[in-house]
Amino acid sequence: MSEVEYSLTLKAAWYYYMESYTQQEISSLMGISRAKVIRLLDDARQNGIIRFNFREDDNARMSTERNLVKTFGLDDAMVVPTPVDQSALLDSIARAAAMYITYHLKPGGYLNIGYGDTMGLTLSHLANSGRKDFSVVSLTGGVSFYLPKVPLGSLNMKLYLTPTPLILSSVELKEALMREPTIQGISRMTELADMTVMSMGALTENATIMRNGIINANDLALLRMEGCVGDILNHFIDSKGEVIPTSIDSRSVSTSLESLCAMKNVVGVAGGAEKVAVLRAALAHDYLNVLITDEKTALGLLGN
């Protein structure tokens, strides 16, 4: 590169990266074509005149994301910093999920969503995001799980909810309700949605299924004896992601995991040390296409 060419390249790079001029403004300022400006900026990168350095912690997270994608055969991964205050972890991951959905769900798109604390927070952040051009479809019964913690009058999205409890009193009642046209219509919508987002439940004493009374301490002990590591959409799974049959499962109004495997763009959202086992099981069974989690959980999945 000649001295003249170097000088032009340096000047164009300075204006663009340091002064925040547009390519068109640089073109006018330097009296050269916009195409020439683009070539000079490319030369600046190729010849090391301008270099990009990520902060060390950001670089580490990007590396972790790439390792998750490679190790588990994912389409994408998003890793957020693990907050010092563990009580903020759920909200941090939910915000990341809402951001991912906002950027990746097409205008007019339909979003399947599971139930649980993480998904409730995600819905609330989506409701406050300002987007109006998408609809939400529930993957389970339990209407109250899908009502964001914002005034209903301020909702920008359309909600299509399964009008049943999450768990019914008998298998017969569940089978009867599943034949209702309204419920069948919601189920058909989930099959055609553009993206699916859900969380996974850990098998711990403070898990959502325990706090909501879905299982009790005896159920918890029995599930652990049977090799259960957690639940997905109220279906209990073992370390390989296989469903463990239970009476609760047979009475739950919930999308089957077989149907889940056939859905497009399935995004798993979960974090915390207690979620590593169920996340690993979900990844082992290829239930997920995308994972959104925090850094410590990601490192736990990778065995670090």
C-alpha atoms as a PDB file:
ATOM      1  CA  MET A   1       0.000   0.000   0.000  1.00  0.00           C
ATOM      2  CA  SER A   2       1.443   3.363  -1.049  1.00  0.00           C
ATOM      3  CA  GLU A   3       1.779   6.305   1.367  1.00  0.00           C
ATOM      4  CA  VAL A   4      -1.069   8.118  -0.387  1.00  0.00           C
ATOM      5  CA  GLU A   5      -3.319   5.043  -0.248  1.00  0.00           C
ATOM      6  CA  TYR A   6      -2.416   4.493   3.416  1.00  0.00           C
ATOM      7  CA  SER A   7      -3.234   8.101   4.255  1.00  0.00           C
ATOM      8  CA  LEU A   8      -6.641   7.876   2.557  1.00  0.00           C
ATOM      9  CA  THR A   9      -7.413   4.578   4.295  1.00  0.00           C
ATOM     10  CA  LEU A  10      -6.414   5.949   7.703  1.00  0.00           C
ATOM     11  CA  LYS A  11      -8.490   9.093   7.224  1.00  0.00           C
ATOM     12  CA  ALA A  12     -11.599   7.195   6.087  1.00  0.00           C
ATOM     13  CA  ALA A  13     -11.292   4.781   9.027  1.00  0.00           C
ATOM     14  CA  TRP A  14     -10.845   7.655  11.495  1.00  0.00           C
ATOM     15  CA  TYR A  15     -13.902   9.507  10.231  1.00  0.00           C
ATOM     16  CA  TYR A  16     -16.016   6.337  10.254  1.00  0.00           C
ATOM     17  CA  TYR A  17     -15.006   4.698  13.533  1.00  0.00           C
ATOM     18  CA  MET A  18     -13.870   7.660  15.651  1.00  0.00           C
ATOM     19  CA  GLU A  19     -16.037  10.506  14.372  1.00  0.00           C
ATOM     20  CA  SER A  20     -19.105   8.370  13.560  1.00  0.00           C
ATOM     21  CA  TYR A  21     -19.518   9.854  10.094  1.00  0.00           C
ATOM     22  CA  THR A  22     -21.667   7.941   7.618  1.00  0.00           C
ATOM     23  CA  GLN A  23     -20.102   6.501   4.482  1.00  0.00           C
ATOM     24  CA  GLN A  24     -21.930   9.122   2.414  1.00  0.00           C
ATOM     25  CA  GLU A  25     -20.627  11.964   4.616  1.00  0.00           C
ATOM     26  CA  ILE A  26     -17.067  10.646   4.276  1.00  0.00           C
ATOM     27  CA  SER A  27     -17.571  10.461   0.513  1.00  0.00           C
ATOM     28  CA  SER A  28     -18.526  14.142   0.380  1.00  0.00           C
ATOM     29  CA  LEU A  29     -15.838  15.214   2.860  1.00  0.00           C
ATOM     30  CA  MET A  30     -13.004  13.424   1.048  1.00  0.00           C
ATOM     31  CA  GLY A  31     -14.302  14.019  -2.455  1.00  0.00           C
ATOM     32  CA  ILE A  32     -14.359  10.326  -3.375  1.00  0.00           C
ATOM     33  CA  SER A  33     -17.152   7.923  -4.301  1.00  0.00           C
ATOM     34  CA  ARG A  34     -19.050   5.955  -1.664  1.00  0.00           C
ATOM     35  CA  ALA A  35     -17.824   2.743  -3.276  1.00  0.00           C
ATOM     36  CA  LYS A  36     -14.256   3.968  -2.733  1.00  0.00           C
ATOM     37  CA  VAL A  37     -15.038   4.690   0.928  1.00  0.00           C
ATOM     38  CA  ILE A  38     -16.342   1.143   1.400  1.00  0.00           C
ATOM     39  CA  ARG A  39     -13.162  -0.254  -0.178  1.00  0.00           C
ATOM     40  CA  LEU A  40     -10.949   1.919   2.035  1.00  0.00           C
ATOM     41  CA  LEU A  41     -12.794   0.763   5.175  1.00  0.00           C
ATOM     42  CA  ASP A  42     -12.388  -2.839   4.090  1.00  0.00           C
ATOM     43  CA  ASP A  43      -8.675  -2.231   3.479  1.00  0.00           C
ATOM     44  CA  ALA A  44      -8.382  -0.723   6.973  1.00  0.00           C
ATOM     45  CA  ARG A  45      -9.707  -3.958   8.484  1.00  0.00           C
ATOM     46  CA  GLN A  46      -7.693  -6.246   6.226  1.00  0.00           C
ATOM     47  CA  ASN A  47      -4.408  -4.438   6.854  1.00  0.00           C
ATOM     48  CA  GLY A  48      -4.795  -4.046  10.609  1.00  0.00           C
ATOM     49  CA  ILE A  49      -5.176  -0.245  10.550  1.00  0.00           C
ATOM     50  CA  ILE A  50      -8.362  -0.733  12.540  1.00  0.00           C
ATOM     51  CA  ARG A  51      -8.666  -3.626  15.015  1.00  0.00           C
ATOM     52  CA  PHE A  52     -11.568  -4.796  17.108  1.00  0.00           C
ATOM     53  CA  ASN A  53     -11.082  -6.025  20.658  1.00  0.00           C
ATOM     54  CA  PHE A  54     -13.905  -7.416  22.787  1.00  0.00           C
ATOM     55  CA  ARG A  55     -13.769  -7.072  26.539  1.00  0.00           C
ATOM     56  CA  GLU A  56     -12.388 -10.242  28.081  1.00  0.00           C
ATOM     57  CA  ASP A  57     -15.651 -11.258  29.752  1.00  0.00           C
ATOM     58  CA  ASP A  58     -17.638 -10.630  26.547  1.00  0.00           C
ATOM     59  CA  ASN A  59     -15.143 -12.681  24.564  1.00  0.00           C
ATOM     60  CA  ALA A  60     -15.510 -15.537  27.065  1.00  0.00           C
ATOM     61  CA  ARG A  61     -19.308 -15.545  26.741  1.00  0.00           C
ATOM     62  CA  MET A  62     -19.132 -15.535  22.945  1.00  0.00           C
ATOM     63  CA  SER A  63     -16.764 -18.499  23.130  1.00  0.00           C
ATOM     64  CA  THR A  64     -19.191 -20.289  25.473  1.00  0.00           C
ATOM     65  CA  GLU A  65     -22.063 -19.694  23.058  1.00  0.00           C
ATOM     66  CA  ARG A  66     -20.067 -21.194  20.191  1.00  0.00           C
ATOM     67  CA  ASN A  67     -19.158 -24.210  22.329  1.00  0.00           C
ATOM     68  CA  LEU A  68     -22.820 -24.787  23.246  1.00  0.00           C
ATOM     69  CA  VAL A  69     -23.832 -24.695  19.588  1.00  0.00           C
ATOM     70  CA  LYS A  70     -21.056 -27.096  18.598  1.00  0.00           C
ATOM     71  CA  THR A  71     -21.406 -29.508  21.530  1.00  0.00           C
ATOM     72  CA  PHE A  72     -25.175 -29.902  21.430  1.00  0.00           C
ATOM     73  CA  GLY A  73     -25.881 -29.342  17.729  1.00  0.00           C
ATOM     74  CA  LEU A  74     -27.905 -26.172  18.325  1.00  0.00           C
ATOM     75  CA  ASP A  75     -28.840 -23.569  15.747  1.00  0.00           C
ATOM     76  CA  ASP A  76     -28.071 -20.740  18.156  1.00  0.00           C
ATOM     77  CA  ALA A  77     -27.306 -19.977  21.797  1.00  0.00           C
ATOM     78  CA  MET A  78     -27.495 -16.832  23.904  1.00  0.00           C
ATOM     79  CA  VAL A  79     -25.542 -16.610  27.166  1.00  0.00           C
ATOM     80  CA  VAL A  80     -26.109 -13.739  29.597  1.00  0.00           C
ATOM     81  CA  PRO A  81     -23.875 -12.825  32.545  1.00  0.00           C
ATOM     82  CA  THR A  82     -24.771 -14.617  35.759  1.00  0.00           C
ATOM     83  CA  PRO A  83     -25.920 -11.903  38.200  1.00  0.00           C
ATOM     84  CA  VAL A  84     -24.243 -11.666  41.576  1.00  0.00           C
ATOM     85  CA  ASP A  85     -27.700 -11.550  43.159  1.00  0.00           C
ATOM     86  CA  GLN A  86     -29.215 -14.967  42.328  1.00  0.00           C
ATOM     87  CA  SER A  87     -32.712 -13.577  42.867  1.00  0.00           C
ATOM     88  CA  ALA A  88     -32.198 -11.530  39.691  1.00  0.00           C
ATOM     89  CA  LEU A  89     -31.298 -14.555  37.559  1.00  0.00           C
ATOM     90  CA  LEU A  90     -34.825 -15.414  36.455  1.00  0.00           C
ATOM     91  CA  ASP A  91     -35.599 -11.879  35.325  1.00  0.00           C
ATOM     92  CA  SER A  92     -32.249 -11.564  33.519  1.00  0.00           C
ATOM     93  CA  ILE A  93     -32.873 -14.714  31.483  1.00  0.00           C
ATOM     94  CA  ALA A  94     -36.495 -13.723  30.800  1.00  0.00           C
ATOM     95  CA  ARG A  95     -35.367 -10.328  29.485  1.00  0.00           C
ATOM     96  CA  ALA A  96     -32.881 -12.058  27.194  1.00  0.00           C
ATOM     97  CA  ALA A  97     -35.620 -14.377  25.931  1.00  0.00           C
ATOM     98  CA  ALA A  98     -37.957 -11.456  25.218  1.00  0.00           C
ATOM     99  CA  MET A  99     -35.160  -9.690  23.348  1.00  0.00           C
ATOM    100  CA  TYR A 100     -34.377 -12.806  21.308  1.00  0.00           C
ATOM    101  CA  ILE A 101     -38.043 -13.232  20.380  1.00  0.00           C
ATOM    102  CA  THR A 102     -38.388  -9.554  19.468  1.00  0.00           C
ATOM    103  CA  TYR A 103     -35.465  -9.752  17.052  1.00  0.00           C
ATOM    104  CA  HIS A 104     -36.180 -13.189  15.562  1.00  0.00           C
ATOM    105  CA  LEU A 105     -39.961 -13.559  15.350  1.00  0.00           C
ATOM    106  CA  LYS A 106     -41.183 -12.322  11.992  1.00  0.00           C
ATOM    107  CA  PRO A 107     -43.868  -9.602  11.748  1.00  0.00           C
ATOM    108  CA  GLY A 108     -47.294 -11.146  12.077  1.00  0.00           C
ATOM    109  CA  GLY A 109     -45.715 -14.284  13.540  1.00  0.00           C
ATOM    110  CA  TYR A 110     -47.199 -16.771  15.977  1.00  0.00           C
ATOM    111  CA  LEU A 111     -45.293 -17.696  19.132  1.00  0.00           C
ATOM    112  CA  ASN A 112     -45.932 -20.854  21.144  1.00  0.00           C
ATOM    113  CA  ILE A 113     -45.114 -20.418  24.811  1.00  0.00           C
ATOM    114  CA  GLY A 114     -44.975 -22.778  27.782  1.00  0.00           C
ATOM    115  CA  TYR A 115     -46.014 -22.096  31.359  1.00  0.00           C
ATOM    116  CA  GLY A 116     -43.973 -21.327  34.458  1.00  0.00           C
ATOM    117  CA  ASP A 117     -42.315 -18.440  36.281  1.00  0.00           C
ATOM    118  CA  THR A 118     -39.674 -17.816  33.591  1.00  0.00           C
ATOM    119  CA  MET A 119     -42.252 -17.766  30.822  1.00  0.00           C
ATOM    120  CA  GLY A 120     -44.535 -15.489  32.827  1.00  0.00           C
ATOM    121  CA  LEU A 121     -41.720 -12.955  33.141  1.00  0.00           C
ATOM    122  CA  THR A 122     -40.857 -13.365  29.461  1.00  0.00           C
ATOM    123  CA  LEU A 123     -44.457 -12.597  28.520  1.00  0.00           C
ATOM    124  CA  SER A 124     -44.446  -9.509  30.716  1.00  0.00           C
ATOM    125  CA  HIS A 125     -41.264  -8.204  29.074  1.00  0.00           C
ATOM    126  CA  LEU A 126     -42.757  -8.916  25.636  1.00  0.00           C
ATOM    127  CA  ALA A 127     -45.919  -7.056  26.625  1.00  0.00           C
ATOM    128  CA  ASN A 128     -43.785  -4.026  27.483  1.00  0.00           C
ATOM    129  CA  SER A 129     -41.621  -4.272  24.365  1.00  0.00           C
ATOM    130  CA  GLY A 130     -43.925  -2.228  22.142  1.00  0.00           C
ATOM    131  CA  ARG A 131     -44.277  -4.871  19.433  1.00  0.00           C
ATOM    132  CA  LYS A 132     -47.856  -5.302  18.252  1.00  0.00           C
ATOM    133  CA  ASP A 133     -47.416  -7.591  15.270  1.00  0.00           C
ATOM    134  CA  PHE A 134     -47.407 -11.061  16.786  1.00  0.00           C
ATOM    135  CA  SER A 135     -49.671 -13.540  18.563  1.00  0.00           C
ATOM    136  CA  VAL A 136     -49.051 -15.871  21.505  1.00  0.00           C
ATOM    137  CA  VAL A 137     -50.403 -19.430  21.661  1.00  0.00           C
ATOM    138  CA  SER A 138     -50.363 -21.453  24.890  1.00  0.00           C
ATOM    139  CA  LEU A 139     -48.752 -24.899  24.929  1.00  0.00           C
ATOM    140  CA  THR A 140     -50.686 -26.025  28.015  1.00  0.00           C
ATOM    141  CA  GLY A 141     -53.845 -25.423  29.949  1.00  0.00           C
ATOM    142  CA  GLY A 142     -53.866 -23.100  32.937  1.00  0.00           C
ATOM    143  CA  VAL A 143     -55.018 -19.685  31.732  1.00  0.00           C
ATOM    144  CA  SER A 144     -53.592 -17.794  34.707  1.00  0.00           C
ATOM    145  CA  PHE A 145     -50.046 -18.883  33.801  1.00  0.00           C
ATOM    146  CA  TYR A 146     -50.293 -16.935  30.555  1.00  0.00           C
ATOM    147  CA  LEU A 147     -51.532 -13.591  31.803  1.00  0.00           C
ATOM    148  CA  PRO A 148     -48.602 -11.132  31.878  1.00  0.00           C
ATOM    149  CA  LYS A 149     -48.116  -9.032  34.988  1.00  0.00           C
ATOM    150  CA  VAL A 150     -49.212  -5.890  33.164  1.00  0.00           C
ATOM    151  CA  PRO A 151     -52.714  -4.366  32.795  1.00  0.00           C
ATOM    152  CA  LEU A 152     -54.610  -6.353  30.165  1.00  0.00           C
ATOM    153  CA  GLY A 153     -55.624  -3.122  28.448  1.00  0.00           C
ATOM    154  CA  SER A 154     -51.974  -2.387  27.670  1.00  0.00           C
ATOM    155  CA  LEU A 155     -51.294  -5.696  25.901  1.00  0.00           C
ATOM    156  CA  ASN A 156     -50.017  -5.307  22.352  1.00  0.00           C
ATOM    157  CA  MET A 157     -50.103  -9.006  21.483  1.00  0.00           C
ATOM    158  CA  LYS A 158     -53.000 -11.356  20.849  1.00  0.00           C
ATOM    159  CA  LEU A 159     -53.348 -14.283  23.265  1.00  0.00           C
ATOM    160  CA  TYR A 160     -54.769 -17.641  22.195  1.00  0.00           C
ATOM    161  CA  LEU A 161     -55.139 -19.636  25.401  1.00  0.00           C
ATOM    162  CA  THR A 162     -56.277 -23.208  26.047  1.00  0.00           C
ATOM    163  CA  PRO A 163     -59.425 -22.685  28.182  1.00  0.00           C
ATOM    164  CA  THR A 164     -58.827 -25.478  30.698  1.00  0.00           C
ATOM    165  CA  PRO A 165     -56.934 -26.037  33.950  1.00  0.00           C
ATOM    166  CA  LEU A 166     -53.418 -27.394  33.581  1.00  0.00           C
ATOM    167  CA  ILE A 167     -54.330 -30.629  35.384  1.00  0.00           C
ATOM    168  CA  LEU A 168     -57.775 -32.194  35.377  1.00  0.00           C
ATOM    169  CA  SER A 169     -59.372 -34.518  37.921  1.00  0.00           C
ATOM    170  CA  SER A 170     -59.512 -37.573  35.674  1.00  0.00           C
ATOM    171  CA  VAL A 171     -58.170 -38.996  32.434  1.00  0.00           C
ATOM    172  CA  GLU A 172     -61.732 -39.307  31.139  1.00  0.00           C
ATOM    173  CA  LEU A 173     -62.419 -35.601  31.654  1.00  0.00           C
ATOM    174  CA  LYS A 174     -59.182 -34.704  29.889  1.00  0.00           C
ATOM    175  CA  GLU A 175     -60.018 -36.908  26.911  1.00  0.00           C
ATOM    176  CA  ALA A 176     -63.504 -35.392  26.671  1.00  0.00           C
ATOM    177  CA  LEU A 177     -62.194 -31.815  26.775  1.00  0.00           C
ATOM    178  CA  MET A 178     -59.505 -32.537  24.188  1.00  0.00           C
ATOM    179  CA  ARG A 179     -62.282 -33.359  21.719  1.00  0.00           C
ATOM    180  CA  GLU A 180     -63.750 -29.856  22.059  1.00  0.00           C
ATOM    181  CA  PRO A 181     -63.369 -27.844  18.807  1.00  0.00           C
ATOM    182  CA  THR A 182     -61.963 -24.775  20.605  1.00  0.00           C
ATOM    183  CA  ILE A 183     -59.210 -26.787  22.256  1.00  0.00           C
ATOM    184  CA  GLN A 184     -58.447 -28.683  19.052  1.00  0.00           C
ATOM    185  CA  GLY A 185     -58.150 -25.336  17.272  1.00  0.00           C
ATOM    186  CA  ILE A 186     -55.542 -24.083  19.752  1.00  0.00           C
ATOM    187  CA  SER A 187     -53.647 -27.370  19.387  1.00  0.00           C
ATOM    188  CA  ARG A 188     -53.620 -26.973  15.610  1.00  0.00           C
ATOM    189  CA  MET A 189     -52.260 -23.444  15.980  1.00  0.00           C
ATOM    190  CA  THR A 190     -49.317 -24.702  18.036  1.00  0.00           C
ATOM    191  CA  GLU A 191     -48.354 -27.040  15.184  1.00  0.00           C
ATOM    192  CA  LEU A 192     -48.196 -24.139  12.710  1.00  0.00           C
ATOM    193  CA  ALA A 193     -46.532 -21.470  14.886  1.00  0.00           C
ATOM    194  CA  ASP A 194     -43.293 -19.798  13.763  1.00  0.00           C
ATOM    195  CA  MET A 195     -41.408 -20.154  17.054  1.00  0.00           C
ATOM    196  CA  THR A 196     -41.770 -22.043  20.318  1.00  0.00           C
ATOM    197  CA  VAL A 197     -40.325 -20.839  23.619  1.00  0.00           C
ATOM    198  CA  MET A 198     -40.446 -22.733  26.896  1.00  0.00           C
ATOM    199  CA  SER A 199     -38.619 -23.353  30.128  1.00  0.00           C
ATOM    200  CA  MET A 200     -37.795 -26.554  31.990  1.00  0.00           C
ATOM    201  CA  GLY A 201     -38.515 -27.419  35.603  1.00  0.00           C
ATOM    202  CA  ALA A 202     -35.974 -28.796  38.040  1.00  0.00           C
ATOM    203  CA  LEU A 203     -36.863 -31.602  40.438  1.00  0.00           C
ATOM    204  CA  THR A 204     -36.257 -29.679  43.648  1.00  0.00           C
ATOM    205  CA  GLU A 205     -38.237 -28.776  46.754  1.00  0.00           C
ATOM    206  CA  ASN A 206     -38.709 -25.182  45.540  1.00  0.00           C
ATOM    207  CA  ALA A 207     -39.609 -26.047  41.945  1.00  0.00           C
ATOM    208  CA  THR A 208     -42.687 -24.452  40.357  1.00  0.00           C
ATOM    209  CA  ILE A 209     -44.509 -27.802  40.275  1.00  0.00           C
ATOM    210  CA  MET A 210     -44.040 -28.075  44.046  1.00  0.00           C
ATOM    211  CA  ARG A 211     -45.047 -24.489  44.841  1.00  0.00           C
ATOM    212  CA  ASN A 212     -48.141 -24.786  42.639  1.00  0.00           C
ATOM    213  CA  GLY A 213     -49.177 -28.040  44.292  1.00  0.00           C
ATOM    214  CA  ILE A 214     -48.833 -30.115  41.131  1.00  0.00           C
ATOM    215  CA  ILE A 215     -46.773 -32.684  43.037  1.00  0.00           C
ATOM    216  CA  ASN A 216     -46.135 -33.199  46.746  1.00  0.00           C
ATOM    217  CA  ALA A 217     -43.124 -34.396  48.718  1.00  0.00           C
ATOM    218  CA  ASN A 218     -44.053 -38.067  48.225  1.00  0.00           C
ATOM    219  CA  ASP A 219     -44.421 -37.586  44.477  1.00  0.00           C
ATOM    220  CA  LEU A 220     -41.061 -35.856  44.408  1.00  0.00           C
ATOM    221  CA  ALA A 221     -39.347 -38.747  46.189  1.00  0.00           C
ATOM    222  CA  LEU A 222     -40.954 -41.328  43.893  1.00  0.00           C
ATOM    223  CA  LEU A 223     -39.999 -39.419  40.748  1.00  0.00           C
ATOM    224  CA  ARG A 224     -36.400 -39.210  41.918  1.00  0.00           C
ATOM    225  CA  MET A 225     -36.397 -42.979  42.537  1.00  0.00           C
ATOM    226  CA  GLU A 226     -37.603 -43.473  38.969  1.00  0.00           C
ATOM    227  CA  GLY A 227     -34.675 -41.437  37.618  1.00  0.00           C
ATOM    228  CA  CYS A 228     -36.549 -38.224  36.890  1.00  0.00           C
ATOM    229  CA  VAL A 229     -34.401 -35.101  36.413  1.00  0.00           C
ATOM    230  CA  GLY A 230     -37.162 -32.548  35.814  1.00  0.00           C
ATOM    231  CA  ASP A 231     -40.115 -31.694  33.624  1.00  0.00           C
ATOM    232  CA  ILE A 232     -40.844 -30.119  30.266  1.00  0.00           C
ATOM    233  CA  LEU A 233     -44.400 -28.759  29.877  1.00  0.00           C
ATOM    234  CA  ASN A 234     -45.429 -30.890  32.872  1.00  0.00           C
ATOM    235  CA  HIS A 235     -44.045 -34.090  31.306  1.00  0.00           C
ATOM    236  CA  PHE A 236     -41.471 -35.710  33.604  1.00  0.00           C
ATOM    237  CA  ILE A 237     -38.282 -36.907  31.913  1.00  0.00           C
ATOM    238  CA  ASP A 238     -35.227 -38.994  32.742  1.00  0.00           C
ATOM    239  CA  SER A 239     -31.590 -38.148  32.005  1.00  0.00           C
ATOM    240  CA  LYS A 240     -32.010 -39.200  28.355  1.00  0.00           C
ATOM    241  CA  GLY A 241     -35.054 -36.994  27.872  1.00  0.00           C
ATOM    242  CA  GLU A 242     -37.478 -39.929  27.784  1.00  0.00           C
ATOM    243  CA  VAL A 243     -40.917 -39.419  29.342  1.00  0.00           C
ATOM    244  CA  ILE A 244     -41.597 -41.140  32.667  1.00  0.00           C
ATOM    245  CA  PRO A 245     -45.311 -42.119  32.724  1.00  0.00           C
ATOM    246  CA  THR A 246     -47.224 -40.696  35.696  1.00  0.00           C
ATOM    247  CA  SER A 247     -50.872 -40.194  36.616  1.00  0.00           C
ATOM    248  CA  ILE A 248     -50.199 -36.445  36.573  1.00  0.00           C
ATOM    249  CA  ASP A 249     -48.936 -36.647  32.997  1.00  0.00           C
ATOM    250  CA  SER A 250     -52.029 -38.524  31.866  1.00  0.00           C
ATOM    251  CA  ARG A 251     -54.296 -35.818  33.355  1.00  0.00           C
ATOM    252  CA  SER A 252     -52.300 -32.802  32.135  1.00  0.00           C
ATOM    253  CA  VAL A 253     -53.560 -30.612  29.329  1.00  0.00           C
ATOM    254  CA  SER A 254     -50.211 -30.113  27.657  1.00  0.00           C
ATOM    255  CA  THR A 255     -48.519 -30.389  24.289  1.00  0.00           C
ATOM    256  CA  SER A 256     -46.824 -33.782  24.014  1.00  0.00           C
ATOM    257  CA  LEU A 257     -43.042 -33.931  23.775  1.00  0.00           C
ATOM    258  CA  GLU A 258     -43.465 -35.896  20.552  1.00  0.00           C
ATOM    259  CA  SER A 259     -45.314 -32.898  19.101  1.00  0.00           C
ATOM    260  CA  LEU A 260     -42.673 -30.579  20.515  1.00  0.00           C
ATOM    261  CA  CYS A 261     -39.977 -32.391  18.527  1.00  0.00           C
ATOM    262  CA  ALA A 262     -41.858 -31.595  15.310  1.00  0.00           C
ATOM    263  CA  MET A 263     -42.125 -27.860  16.012  1.00  0.00           C
ATOM    264  CA  LYS A 264     -39.987 -25.163  14.419  1.00  0.00           C
ATOM    265  CA  ASN A 265     -37.471 -22.954  16.231  1.00  0.00           C
ATOM    266  CA  VAL A 266     -37.838 -24.389  19.738  1.00  0.00           C
ATOM    267  CA  VAL A 267     -36.135 -22.045  22.205  1.00  0.00           C
ATOM    268  CA  GLY A 268     -35.297 -23.310  25.689  1.00  0.00           C
ATOM    269  CA  VAL A 269     -34.954 -20.708  28.447  1.00  0.00           C
ATOM    270  CA  ALA A 270     -33.577 -21.759  31.827  1.00  0.00           C
ATOM    271  CA  GLY A 271     -30.766 -21.047  34.250  1.00  0.00           C
ATOM    272  CA  GLY A 272     -29.354 -21.965  37.622  1.00  0.00           C
ATOM    273  CA  ALA A 273     -27.344 -24.920  38.894  1.00  0.00           C
ATOM    274  CA  GLU A 274     -30.507 -26.897  39.672  1.00  0.00           C
ATOM    275  CA  LYS A 275     -31.516 -26.742  35.983  1.00  0.00           C
ATOM    276  CA  VAL A 276     -28.325 -28.285  34.559  1.00  0.00           C
ATOM    277  CA  ALA A 277     -29.575 -31.888  34.738  1.00  0.00           C
ATOM    278  CA  VAL A 278     -32.925 -31.244  33.047  1.00  0.00           C
ATOM    279  CA  LEU A 279     -31.311 -28.963  30.464  1.00  0.00           C
ATOM    280  CA  ARG A 280     -28.742 -31.628  29.636  1.00  0.00           C
ATOM    281  CA  ALA A 281     -31.558 -34.166  29.211  1.00  0.00           C
ATOM    282  CA  ALA A 282     -33.516 -31.841  26.932  1.00  0.00           C
ATOM    283  CA  LEU A 283     -30.409 -31.226  24.823  1.00  0.00           C
ATOM    284  CA  ALA A 284     -29.568 -34.935  24.706  1.00  0.00           C
ATOM    285  CA  HIS A 285     -33.007 -35.670  23.246  1.00  0.00           C
ATOM    286  CA  ASP A 286     -32.812 -32.778  20.743  1.00  0.00           C
ATOM    287  CA  TYR A 287     -35.923 -31.052  22.063  1.00  0.00           C
ATOM    288  CA  LEU A 288     -34.237 -27.657  21.611  1.00  0.00           C
ATOM    289  CA  ASN A 289     -32.946 -25.703  18.609  1.00  0.00           C
ATOM    290  CA  VAL A 290     -31.864 -22.646  20.615  1.00  0.00           C
ATOM    291  CA  LEU A 291     -30.743 -22.245  24.220  1.00  0.00           C
ATOM    292  CA  ILE A 292     -30.910 -19.067  26.308  1.00  0.00           C
ATOM    293  CA  THR A 293     -29.194 -19.359  29.668  1.00  0.00           C
ATOM    294  CA  ASP A 294     -26.668 -17.731  31.982  1.00  0.00           C
ATOM    295  CA  GLU A 295     -22.909 -18.171  31.957  1.00  0.00           C
ATOM    296  CA  LYS A 296     -22.542 -20.415  35.016  1.00  0.00           C
ATOM    297  CA  THR A 297     -25.278 -22.746  33.831  1.00  0.00           C
ATOM    298  CA  ALA A 298     -23.725 -22.894  30.352  1.00  0.00           C
ATOM    299  CA  LEU A 299     -20.350 -23.791  31.807  1.00  0.00           C
ATOM    300  CA  GLY A 300     -22.012 -26.475  33.920  1.00  0.00           C
ATOM    301  CA  LEU A 301     -23.561 -27.974  30.786  1.00  0.00           C
ATOM    302  CA  LEU A 302     -20.173 -27.988  29.111  1.00  0.00           C
ATOM    303  CA  GLY A 303     -18.566 -29.668  32.122  1.00  0.00           C
ATOM    304  CA  ASN A 304     -16.467 -26.656  33.120  1.00  0.00           C
END
